[in-house]
C-alpha atoms as a PDB file:
ATOM      1  CA  MET A   1      32.780 -14.693  16.106  1.00  0.00           C
ATOM      2  CA  ARG A   2      29.482 -14.496  17.956  1.00  0.00           C
ATOM      3  CA  PRO A   3      27.493 -17.692  18.592  1.00  0.00           C
ATOM      4  CA  TRP A   4      24.766 -16.907  16.052  1.00  0.00           C
ATOM      5  CA  SER A   5      27.270 -16.094  13.292  1.00  0.00           C
ATOM      6  CA  PHE A   6      29.279 -19.215  14.121  1.00  0.00           C
ATOM      7  CA  GLY A   7      26.028 -21.166  13.845  1.00  0.00           C
ATOM      8  CA  VAL A   8      25.527 -19.779  10.330  1.00  0.00           C
ATOM      9  CA  TRP A   9      29.089 -20.863   9.446  1.00  0.00           C
ATOM     10  CA  GLU A  10      28.423 -24.355  10.837  1.00  0.00           C
ATOM     11  CA  GLN A  11      25.284 -24.686   8.677  1.00  0.00           C
ATOM     12  CA  ILE A  12      27.187 -23.594   5.552  1.00  0.00           C
ATOM     13  CA  GLN A  13      29.999 -26.015   6.371  1.00  0.00           C
ATOM     14  CA  LYS A  14      27.534 -28.851   7.037  1.00  0.00           C
ATOM     15  CA  ALA A  15      25.736 -28.284   3.705  1.00  0.00           C
ATOM     16  CA  LEU A  16      28.966 -28.073   1.700  1.00  0.00           C
ATOM     17  CA  ASP A  17      30.466 -31.029   3.530  1.00  0.00           C
ATOM     18  CA  SER A  18      27.540 -33.344   2.770  1.00  0.00           C
ATOM     19  CA  TRP A  19      27.468 -32.232  -0.879  1.00  0.00           C
ATOM     20  CA  ILE A  20      31.188 -32.751  -1.594  1.00  0.00           C
ATOM     21  CA  LYS A  21      31.281 -36.171   0.077  1.00  0.00           C
ATOM     22  CA  GLU A  22      28.601 -37.611  -2.242  1.00  0.00           C
ATOM     23  CA  GLU A  23      29.393 -39.506  -5.423  1.00  0.00           C
ATOM     24  CA  PRO A  24      30.972 -38.716  -7.849  1.00  0.00           C
ATOM     25  CA  LEU A  25      33.122 -36.244  -5.894  1.00  0.00           C
ATOM     26  CA  GLU A  26      33.764 -38.370  -2.766  1.00  0.00           C
ATOM     27  CA  VAL A  27      35.961 -35.695  -1.221  1.00  0.00           C
ATOM     28  CA  GLN A  28      37.748 -36.383   2.055  1.00  0.00           C
ATOM     29  CA  ASN A  29      38.309 -33.543   4.510  1.00  0.00           C
ATOM     30  CA  CYS A  30      41.743 -32.587   5.746  1.00  0.00           C
ATOM     31  CA  TYR A  31      43.154 -29.824   7.918  1.00  0.00           C
ATOM     32  CA  PHE A  32      46.270 -27.720   7.562  1.00  0.00           C
ATOM     33  CA  PRO A  33      48.139 -25.774  10.236  1.00  0.00           C
ATOM     34  CA  LEU A  34      47.572 -22.052  10.687  1.00  0.00           C
ATOM     35  CA  PHE A  35      51.289 -21.398  11.164  1.00  0.00           C
ATOM     36  CA  VAL A  36      54.032 -21.705   8.528  1.00  0.00           C
ATOM     37  CA  THR A  37      57.781 -21.406   8.723  1.00  0.00           C
ATOM     38  CA  LYS A  38      59.687 -18.533   7.215  1.00  0.00           C
ATOM     39  CA  GLY A  39      61.145 -20.988   4.682  1.00  0.00           C
ATOM     40  CA  ALA A  40      57.681 -22.038   3.471  1.00  0.00           C
ATOM     41  CA  LEU A  41      56.695 -18.419   3.033  1.00  0.00           C
ATOM     42  CA  GLU A  42      59.916 -17.640   1.145  1.00  0.00           C
ATOM     43  CA  ALA A  43      59.256 -20.616  -1.165  1.00  0.00           C
ATOM     44  CA  GLU A  44      55.883 -19.057  -2.025  1.00  0.00           C
ATOM     45  CA  GLU A  45      57.715 -15.838  -2.843  1.00  0.00           C
ATOM     46  CA  ASP A  46      59.895 -17.758  -5.335  1.00  0.00           C
ATOM     47  CA  HIS A  47      56.875 -19.313  -7.098  1.00  0.00           C
ATOM     48  CA  VAL A  48      54.494 -16.352  -7.340  1.00  0.00           C
ATOM     49  CA  GLU A  49      55.551 -13.218  -9.161  1.00  0.00           C
ATOM     50  CA  GLY A  50      54.858 -10.119  -7.080  1.00  0.00           C
ATOM     51  CA  PHE A  51      54.130 -12.112  -3.906  1.00  0.00           C
ATOM     52  CA  ALA A  52      54.608  -9.810  -0.920  1.00  0.00           C
ATOM     53  CA  PRO A  53      53.928 -11.533   2.405  1.00  0.00           C
ATOM     54  CA  GLU A  54      51.944  -9.184   4.629  1.00  0.00           C
ATOM     55  CA  VAL A  55      51.815 -11.450   7.644  1.00  0.00           C
ATOM     56  CA  ALA A  56      51.847 -11.399  11.398  1.00  0.00           C
ATOM     57  CA  TRP A  57      54.946 -13.091  12.842  1.00  0.00           C
ATOM     58  CA  VAL A  58      55.056 -15.139  16.032  1.00  0.00           C
ATOM     59  CA  THR A  59      58.465 -14.623  17.620  1.00  0.00           C
ATOM     60  CA  LYS A  60      57.932 -15.779  21.222  1.00  0.00           C
ATOM     61  CA  SER A  61      56.497 -18.710  23.135  1.00  0.00           C
ATOM     62  CA  GLY A  62      55.699 -17.282  26.546  1.00  0.00           C
ATOM     63  CA  GLU A  63      58.870 -15.441  27.541  1.00  0.00           C
ATOM     64  CA  THR A  64      61.136 -17.553  25.294  1.00  0.00           C
ATOM     65  CA  ASP A  65      62.241 -16.318  21.872  1.00  0.00           C
ATOM     66  CA  LEU A  66      61.619 -18.820  19.089  1.00  0.00           C
ATOM     67  CA  ALA A  67      64.683 -20.074  17.226  1.00  0.00           C
ATOM     68  CA  GLU A  68      62.909 -19.265  13.950  1.00  0.00           C
ATOM     69  CA  PRO A  69      59.877 -16.972  13.741  1.00  0.00           C
ATOM     70  CA  ILE A  70      56.715 -18.508  12.316  1.00  0.00           C
ATOM     71  CA  ALA A  71      54.077 -16.710  10.271  1.00  0.00           C
ATOM     72  CA  ILE A  72      50.338 -16.864  10.623  1.00  0.00           C
ATOM     73  CA  ARG A  73      49.796 -17.992   7.056  1.00  0.00           C
ATOM     74  CA  PRO A  74      48.169 -15.517   4.691  1.00  0.00           C
ATOM     75  CA  THR A  75      46.740 -18.085   2.241  1.00  0.00           C
ATOM     76  CA  SER A  76      45.878 -21.743   2.119  1.00  0.00           C
ATOM     77  CA  GLU A  77      48.172 -22.313  -0.851  1.00  0.00           C
ATOM     78  CA  THR A  78      51.254 -21.547   1.230  1.00  0.00           C
ATOM     79  CA  ILE A  79      50.867 -24.787   3.169  1.00  0.00           C
ATOM     80  CA  MET A  80      48.551 -26.896   1.005  1.00  0.00           C
ATOM     81  CA  TYR A  81      50.359 -27.189  -2.327  1.00  0.00           C
ATOM     82  CA  PRO A  82      53.674 -28.477  -0.928  1.00  0.00           C
ATOM     83  CA  GLU A  83      51.706 -31.100   1.035  1.00  0.00           C
ATOM     84  CA  PHE A  84      49.630 -32.075  -2.005  1.00  0.00           C
ATOM     85  CA  ALA A  85      52.870 -32.704  -3.886  1.00  0.00           C
ATOM     86  CA  LYS A  86      53.883 -35.209  -1.187  1.00  0.00           C
ATOM     87  CA  TRP A  87      50.469 -36.932  -1.213  1.00  0.00           C
ATOM     88  CA  SER A  88      50.028 -37.255  -4.960  1.00  0.00           C
ATOM     89  CA  HIS A  89      50.555 -40.637  -6.567  1.00  0.00           C
ATOM     90  CA  LEU A  90      52.054 -40.419 -10.066  1.00  0.00           C
ATOM     91  CA  GLY A  91      51.147 -36.731 -10.265  1.00  0.00           C
ATOM     92  CA  VAL A  92      47.408 -37.292  -9.788  1.00  0.00           C
ATOM     93  CA  PRO A  93      46.113 -34.922  -7.084  1.00  0.00           C
ATOM     94  CA  ARG A  94      43.818 -36.114  -4.341  1.00  0.00           C
ATOM     95  CA  CYS A  95      40.419 -34.564  -3.872  1.00  0.00           C
ATOM     96  CA  CYS A  96      40.465 -32.858  -0.450  1.00  0.00           C
ATOM     97  CA  GLY A  97      38.070 -30.503   1.268  1.00  0.00           C
ATOM     98  CA  ALA A  98      39.658 -28.068   3.684  1.00  0.00           C
ATOM     99  CA  PHE A  99      37.732 -25.670   5.893  1.00  0.00           C
ATOM    100  CA  THR A 100      40.970 -23.978   6.852  1.00  0.00           C
ATOM    101  CA  PRO A 101      41.572 -20.608   8.512  1.00  0.00           C
ATOM    102  CA  SER A 102      43.979 -18.093   7.066  1.00  0.00           C
ATOM    103  CA  THR A 103      44.617 -14.459   7.889  1.00  0.00           C
ATOM    104  CA  ARG A 104      45.613 -11.253   6.210  1.00  0.00           C
ATOM    105  CA  LEU A 105      47.305  -8.429   8.063  1.00  0.00           C
ATOM    106  CA  VAL A 106      46.010  -5.117   6.735  1.00  0.00           C
ATOM    107  CA  SER A 107      47.153  -1.699   7.843  1.00  0.00           C
ATOM    108  CA  VAL A 108      44.782   1.217   7.356  1.00  0.00           C
ATOM    109  CA  ARG A 109      45.613   4.892   7.804  1.00  0.00           C
ATOM    110  CA  ARG A 110      42.962   6.492  10.025  1.00  0.00           C
ATOM    111  CA  GLY A 111      43.601   9.890  11.494  1.00  0.00           C
ATOM    112  CA  PRO A 112      46.951  10.542  13.173  1.00  0.00           C
ATOM    113  CA  GLY A 113      47.856   6.862  13.781  1.00  0.00           C
ATOM    114  CA  TRP A 114      47.778   3.463  12.096  1.00  0.00           C
ATOM    115  CA  SER A 115      45.219   0.774  12.789  1.00  0.00           C
ATOM    116  CA  LEU A 116      46.012  -2.910  12.233  1.00  0.00           C
ATOM    117  CA  PHE A 117      43.372  -5.523  11.525  1.00  0.00           C
ATOM    118  CA  LEU A 118      43.617  -9.301  11.328  1.00  0.00           C
ATOM    119  CA  PHE A 119      41.030 -10.939   9.082  1.00  0.00           C
END
C-alpha cells in the first residue's frame, strides 16, 4: 500500500474508532492473528455449508519444514468466533472492534498461464 493510500486508511480507521468508542457503544478494540491452524480451518468447514478454503499455506520457517502447515486466514470469522466463545460470559457477546487483515487467494486464467493474486 502506498503512503497516501495508507493515510486514507488511517483516517477512515481513526473516524470509525472514535465513533465506536463513544457511548452507548463503548467498543474496545482487539486484534486477531493473520495465521490459523489447519484444524481451525477444518472446523470452519464443518460449520459452514459449502465452505471451500481457498487459502495460501505456510509450510516452512526459513529452511525448516513446519510440523503442521498454517493458513493465511481467508476470513475474520475463522479466528474470531471461536475466541468470542471463550470470552463470552453467560453467552453474552462482548462488543469488540477489530481492524484485522485477512486474505483471499484468487486464481485467474489469463492467456497461456495462471496468475495468482493475494488480496
